[in-house]
Structure formats: structure tokens, C-alpha cells
Amino acid sequence: MKFEYKVENMRLHGMTSMVLTKEHEKKLNELGEEGWEMVGLTASASGRNIAAVFKREKI
């Protein structure tokens, strides 16, 4: 079985606590519909950006 990977960088919003928006949720749902599964998530040192790693079976 072979896989392909995708990294999605997202800038978080908020002043004191960083939050994901409805736009982020929409993008994540679109990726799920395309067959992508999130396998990892990491935040930058500032906490203002996150990188989500996705994989799906390569056809």
C-alpha cells in the first residue's frame, strides 16, 4: 500500500487564545471529503500557526 501526504498551514485567530474559525473547519471538511486523513498536528513557537499533516492512499 502506498500513501501520499499533504501539509496544510493555518493561521489561527484571536488575541489571547488562538482559535480555529468556521473557515478552517470548512477546509478540514473539504480535505476529509477528498479522502485526506489528519495524522499529525503541530503548532509554531508563537502558537499563531499550525501545520496539519494529512495522508491518503495513493491510487
PDB file of N, CA and C in Angstrom:
ATOM      1  N   MET A   1       0.853  -1.176   0.000  1.00  0.00           N
ATOM      2  CA  MET A   1       0.000   0.000   0.000  1.00  0.00           C
ATOM      3  C   MET A   1       0.901   1.241   0.000  1.00  0.00           C
ATOM      4  N   LYS A   2       0.595   2.207  -0.849  1.00  0.00           N
ATOM      5  CA  LYS A   2       1.355   3.452  -0.923  1.00  0.00           C
ATOM      6  C   LYS A   2       0.471   4.612  -0.489  1.00  0.00           C
ATOM      7  N   PHE A   3       1.115   5.628   0.080  1.00  0.00           N
ATOM      8  CA  PHE A   3       0.392   6.803   0.565  1.00  0.00           C
ATOM      9  C   PHE A   3       0.971   8.062  -0.035  1.00  0.00           C
ATOM     10  N   GLU A   4       0.140   9.105  -0.101  1.00  0.00           N
ATOM     11  CA  GLU A   4       0.618  10.438  -0.419  1.00  0.00           C
ATOM     12  C   GLU A   4       0.286  11.328   0.770  1.00  0.00           C
ATOM     13  N   TYR A   5       1.066  12.390   0.922  1.00  0.00           N
ATOM     14  CA  TYR A   5       0.935  13.259   2.087  1.00  0.00           C
ATOM     15  C   TYR A   5       0.707  14.702   1.666  1.00  0.00           C
ATOM     16  N   LYS A   6       0.061  15.441   2.541  1.00  0.00           N
ATOM     17  CA  LYS A   6      -0.247  16.850   2.289  1.00  0.00           C
ATOM     18  C   LYS A   6      -0.075  17.602   3.603  1.00  0.00           C
ATOM     19  N   VAL A   7       0.525  18.781   3.523  1.00  0.00           N
ATOM     20  CA  VAL A   7       0.665  19.647   4.698  1.00  0.00           C
ATOM     21  C   VAL A   7      -0.181  20.890   4.471  1.00  0.00           C
ATOM     22  N   GLU A   8      -1.024  21.186   5.422  1.00  0.00           N
ATOM     23  CA  GLU A   8      -1.907  22.364   5.353  1.00  0.00           C
ATOM     24  C   GLU A   8      -1.497  23.307   6.489  1.00  0.00           C
ATOM     25  N   ASN A   9      -1.036  24.506   6.129  1.00  0.00           N
ATOM     26  CA  ASN A   9      -0.653  25.506   7.127  1.00  0.00           C
ATOM     27  C   ASN A   9      -1.836  26.428   7.384  1.00  0.00           C
ATOM     28  N   MET A  10      -2.118  26.671   8.657  1.00  0.00           N
ATOM     29  CA  MET A  10      -3.259  27.514   9.022  1.00  0.00           C
ATOM     30  C   MET A  10      -2.841  28.544  10.053  1.00  0.00           C
ATOM     31  N   ARG A  11      -3.250  29.772   9.821  1.00  0.00           N
ATOM     32  CA  ARG A  11      -3.011  30.845  10.790  1.00  0.00           C
ATOM     33  C   ARG A  11      -4.225  30.923  11.707  1.00  0.00           C
ATOM     34  N   LEU A  12      -3.970  30.877  13.000  1.00  0.00           N
ATOM     35  CA  LEU A  12      -5.048  30.930  13.986  1.00  0.00           C
ATOM     36  C   LEU A  12      -5.436  32.375  14.261  1.00  0.00           C
ATOM     37  N   HIS A  13      -6.630  32.571  14.785  1.00  0.00           N
ATOM     38  CA  HIS A  13      -7.155  33.903  15.061  1.00  0.00           C
ATOM     39  C   HIS A  13      -7.430  34.055  16.554  1.00  0.00           C
ATOM     40  N   GLY A  14      -7.459  35.277  17.010  1.00  0.00           N
ATOM     41  CA  GLY A  14      -7.750  35.561  18.408  1.00  0.00           C
ATOM     42  C   GLY A  14      -6.640  36.389  19.032  1.00  0.00           C
ATOM     43  N   MET A  15      -6.951  37.060  20.110  1.00  0.00           N
ATOM     44  CA  MET A  15      -5.964  37.906  20.785  1.00  0.00           C
ATOM     45  C   MET A  15      -5.290  37.175  21.939  1.00  0.00           C
ATOM     46  N   THR A  16      -6.066  36.542  22.789  1.00  0.00           N
ATOM     47  CA  THR A  16      -5.473  35.877  23.952  1.00  0.00           C
ATOM     48  C   THR A  16      -5.441  34.368  23.801  1.00  0.00           C
ATOM     49  N   SER A  17      -6.456  33.809  23.198  1.00  0.00           N
ATOM     50  CA  SER A  17      -6.446  32.365  22.953  1.00  0.00           C
ATOM     51  C   SER A  17      -6.620  32.139  21.457  1.00  0.00           C
ATOM     52  N   MET A  18      -5.795  31.297  20.897  1.00  0.00           N
ATOM     53  CA  MET A  18      -5.816  31.050  19.468  1.00  0.00           C
ATOM     54  C   MET A  18      -6.939  30.069  19.143  1.00  0.00           C
ATOM     55  N   VAL A  19      -7.721  30.390  18.137  1.00  0.00           N
ATOM     56  CA  VAL A  19      -8.875  29.566  17.799  1.00  0.00           C
ATOM     57  C   VAL A  19      -8.923  29.289  16.298  1.00  0.00           C
ATOM     58  N   LEU A  20      -9.504  28.158  15.967  1.00  0.00           N
ATOM     59  CA  LEU A  20      -9.814  27.822  14.588  1.00  0.00           C
ATOM     60  C   LEU A  20     -11.173  28.413  14.253  1.00  0.00           C
ATOM     61  N   THR A  21     -11.338  28.871  13.028  1.00  0.00           N
ATOM     62  CA  THR A  21     -12.576  29.514  12.604  1.00  0.00           C
ATOM     63  C   THR A  21     -13.437  28.533  11.811  1.00  0.00           C
ATOM     64  N   LYS A  22     -14.622  28.984  11.461  1.00  0.00           N
ATOM     65  CA  LYS A  22     -15.510  28.196  10.600  1.00  0.00           C
ATOM     66  C   LYS A  22     -14.856  27.955   9.239  1.00  0.00           C
ATOM     67  N   GLU A  23     -14.046  28.906   8.776  1.00  0.00           N
ATOM     68  CA  GLU A  23     -13.335  28.731   7.505  1.00  0.00           C
ATOM     69  C   GLU A  23     -12.330  27.581   7.603  1.00  0.00           C
ATOM     70  N   HIS A  24     -11.634  27.491   8.746  1.00  0.00           N
ATOM     71  CA  HIS A  24     -10.719  26.367   8.960  1.00  0.00           C
ATOM     72  C   HIS A  24     -11.496  25.052   8.948  1.00  0.00           C
ATOM     73  N   GLU A  25     -12.618  25.036   9.654  1.00  0.00           N
ATOM     74  CA  GLU A  25     -13.455  23.838   9.729  1.00  0.00           C
ATOM     75  C   GLU A  25     -13.919  23.424   8.329  1.00  0.00           C
ATOM     76  N   LYS A  26     -14.318  24.404   7.526  1.00  0.00           N
ATOM     77  CA  LYS A  26     -14.764  24.113   6.162  1.00  0.00           C
ATOM     78  C   LYS A  26     -13.632  23.471   5.357  1.00  0.00           C
ATOM     79  N   LYS A  27     -12.427  24.026   5.461  1.00  0.00           N
ATOM     80  CA  LYS A  27     -11.278  23.486   4.728  1.00  0.00           C
ATOM     81  C   LYS A  27     -10.966  22.065   5.183  1.00  0.00           C
ATOM     82  N   LEU A  28     -10.999  21.816   6.485  1.00  0.00           N
ATOM     83  CA  LEU A  28     -10.727  20.471   7.009  1.00  0.00           C
ATOM     84  C   LEU A  28     -11.774  19.475   6.530  1.00  0.00           C
ATOM     85  N   ASN A  29     -13.036  19.893   6.493  1.00  0.00           N
ATOM     86  CA  ASN A  29     -14.095  19.013   5.991  1.00  0.00           C
ATOM     87  C   ASN A  29     -13.925  18.731   4.500  1.00  0.00           C
ATOM     88  N   GLU A  30     -13.496  19.735   3.729  1.00  0.00           N
ATOM     89  CA  GLU A  30     -13.235  19.525   2.305  1.00  0.00           C
ATOM     90  C   GLU A  30     -12.129  18.491   2.102  1.00  0.00           C
ATOM     91  N   LEU A  31     -11.070  18.595   2.891  1.00  0.00           N
ATOM     92  CA  LEU A  31      -9.975  17.632   2.785  1.00  0.00           C
ATOM     93  C   LEU A  31     -10.459  16.230   3.144  1.00  0.00           C
ATOM     94  N   GLY A  32     -11.303  16.120   4.152  1.00  0.00           N
ATOM     95  CA  GLY A  32     -11.869  14.824   4.524  1.00  0.00           C
ATOM     96  C   GLY A  32     -12.699  14.237   3.401  1.00  0.00           C
ATOM     97  N   GLU A  33     -13.474  15.075   2.733  1.00  0.00           N
ATOM     98  CA  GLU A  33     -14.289  14.610   1.600  1.00  0.00           C
ATOM     99  C   GLU A  33     -13.423  14.118   0.447  1.00  0.00           C
ATOM    100  N   GLU A  34     -12.218  14.688   0.331  1.00  0.00           N
ATOM    101  CA  GLU A  34     -11.285  14.272  -0.722  1.00  0.00           C
ATOM    102  C   GLU A  34     -10.496  13.019  -0.336  1.00  0.00           C
ATOM    103  N   GLY A  35     -10.766  12.498   0.855  1.00  0.00           N
ATOM    104  CA  GLY A  35     -10.100  11.273   1.283  1.00  0.00           C
ATOM    105  C   GLY A  35      -8.872  11.470   2.159  1.00  0.00           C
ATOM    106  N   TRP A  36      -8.564  12.725   2.506  1.00  0.00           N
ATOM    107  CA  TRP A  36      -7.413  13.002   3.355  1.00  0.00           C
ATOM    108  C   TRP A  36      -7.757  12.738   4.821  1.00  0.00           C
ATOM    109  N   GLU A  37      -6.845  12.106   5.529  1.00  0.00           N
ATOM    110  CA  GLU A  37      -6.995  11.826   6.963  1.00  0.00           C
ATOM    111  C   GLU A  37      -5.876  12.529   7.713  1.00  0.00           C
ATOM    112  N   MET A  38      -6.226  13.335   8.736  1.00  0.00           N
ATOM    113  CA  MET A  38      -5.203  14.023   9.514  1.00  0.00           C
ATOM    114  C   MET A  38      -4.430  13.012  10.354  1.00  0.00           C
ATOM    115  N   VAL A  39      -3.105  13.083  10.261  1.00  0.00           N
ATOM    116  CA  VAL A  39      -2.269  12.154  11.017  1.00  0.00           C
ATOM    117  C   VAL A  39      -1.331  12.872  11.976  1.00  0.00           C
ATOM    118  N   GLY A  40      -1.272  14.194  11.877  1.00  0.00           N
ATOM    119  CA  GLY A  40      -0.407  14.942  12.776  1.00  0.00           C
ATOM    120  C   GLY A  40      -0.763  16.412  12.786  1.00  0.00           C
ATOM    121  N   LEU A  41      -0.377  17.082  13.865  1.00  0.00           N
ATOM    122  CA  LEU A  41      -0.676  18.497  14.032  1.00  0.00           C
ATOM    123  C   LEU A  41       0.424  19.084  14.900  1.00  0.00           C
ATOM    124  N   THR A  42       0.979  20.217  14.494  1.00  0.00           N
ATOM    125  CA  THR A  42       1.996  20.873  15.300  1.00  0.00           C
ATOM    126  C   THR A  42       1.777  22.376  15.256  1.00  0.00           C
ATOM    127  N   ALA A  43       2.137  23.047  16.331  1.00  0.00           N
ATOM    128  CA  ALA A  43       1.975  24.499  16.412  1.00  0.00           C
ATOM    129  C   ALA A  43       3.340  25.167  16.369  1.00  0.00           C
ATOM    130  N   SER A  44       3.374  26.385  15.848  1.00  0.00           N
ATOM    131  CA  SER A  44       4.611  27.162  15.852  1.00  0.00           C
ATOM    132  C   SER A  44       4.919  27.586  17.289  1.00  0.00           C
ATOM    133  N   ALA A  45       6.118  28.075  17.499  1.00  0.00           N
ATOM    134  CA  ALA A  45       6.527  28.510  18.838  1.00  0.00           C
ATOM    135  C   ALA A  45       5.615  29.606  19.371  1.00  0.00           C
ATOM    136  N   SER A  46       5.140  30.481  18.484  1.00  0.00           N
ATOM    137  CA  SER A  46       4.264  31.570  18.915  1.00  0.00           C
ATOM    138  C   SER A  46       2.840  31.087  19.173  1.00  0.00           C
ATOM    139  N   GLY A  47       2.493  29.915  18.609  1.00  0.00           N
ATOM    140  CA  GLY A  47       1.138  29.402  18.762  1.00  0.00           C
ATOM    141  C   GLY A  47       0.153  30.019  17.792  1.00  0.00           C
ATOM    142  N   ARG A  48       0.614  30.876  16.910  1.00  0.00           N
ATOM    143  CA  ARG A  48      -0.273  31.561  15.974  1.00  0.00           C
ATOM    144  C   ARG A  48      -0.498  30.780  14.683  1.00  0.00           C
ATOM    145  N   ASN A  49       0.332  29.798  14.432  1.00  0.00           N
ATOM    146  CA  ASN A  49       0.224  28.998  13.215  1.00  0.00           C
ATOM    147  C   ASN A  49       0.279  27.518  13.566  1.00  0.00           C
ATOM    148  N   ILE A  50      -0.476  26.734  12.818  1.00  0.00           N
ATOM    149  CA  ILE A  50      -0.382  25.291  12.970  1.00  0.00           C
ATOM    150  C   ILE A  50      -0.184  24.672  11.588  1.00  0.00           C
ATOM    151  N   ALA A  51       0.471  23.541  11.610  1.00  0.00           N
ATOM    152  CA  ALA A  51       0.641  22.758  10.386  1.00  0.00           C
ATOM    153  C   ALA A  51      -0.014  21.413  10.638  1.00  0.00           C
ATOM    154  N   ALA A  52      -0.960  21.063   9.781  1.00  0.00           N
ATOM    155  CA  ALA A  52      -1.657  19.788   9.884  1.00  0.00           C
ATOM    156  C   ALA A  52      -1.146  18.884   8.763  1.00  0.00           C
ATOM    157  N   VAL A  53      -0.811  17.657   9.101  1.00  0.00           N
ATOM    158  CA  VAL A  53      -0.318  16.694   8.118  1.00  0.00           C
ATOM    159  C   VAL A  53      -1.421  15.679   7.848  1.00  0.00           C
ATOM    160  N   PHE A  54      -1.681  15.447   6.578  1.00  0.00           N
ATOM    161  CA  PHE A  54      -2.726  14.528   6.142  1.00  0.00           C
ATOM    162  C   PHE A  54      -2.114  13.441   5.264  1.00  0.00           C
ATOM    163  N   LYS A  55      -2.778  12.284   5.211  1.00  0.00           N
ATOM    164  CA  LYS A  55      -2.372  11.241   4.279  1.00  0.00           C
ATOM    165  C   LYS A  55      -3.604  10.589   3.680  1.00  0.00           C
ATOM    166  N   ARG A  56      -3.396   9.993   2.520  1.00  0.00           N
ATOM    167  CA  ARG A  56      -4.439   9.183   1.900  1.00  0.00           C
ATOM    168  C   ARG A  56      -3.738   8.145   1.034  1.00  0.00           C
ATOM    169  N   GLU A  57      -4.467   7.068   0.777  1.00  0.00           N
ATOM    170  CA  GLU A  57      -3.902   6.014  -0.041  1.00  0.00           C
ATOM    171  C   GLU A  57      -3.684   6.522  -1.459  1.00  0.00           C
ATOM    172  N   LYS A  58      -2.498   6.241  -1.980  1.00  0.00           N
ATOM    173  CA  LYS A  58      -2.169   6.636  -3.341  1.00  0.00           C
ATOM    174  C   LYS A  58      -2.732   5.611  -4.305  1.00  0.00           C
ATOM    175  N   ILE A  59      -3.417   6.095  -5.327  1.00  0.00           N
ATOM    176  CA  ILE A  59      -4.052   5.203  -6.303  1.00  0.00           C
ATOM    177  C   ILE A  59      -3.168   5.048  -7.526  1.00  0.00           C
TER     178      ILE A  59
END
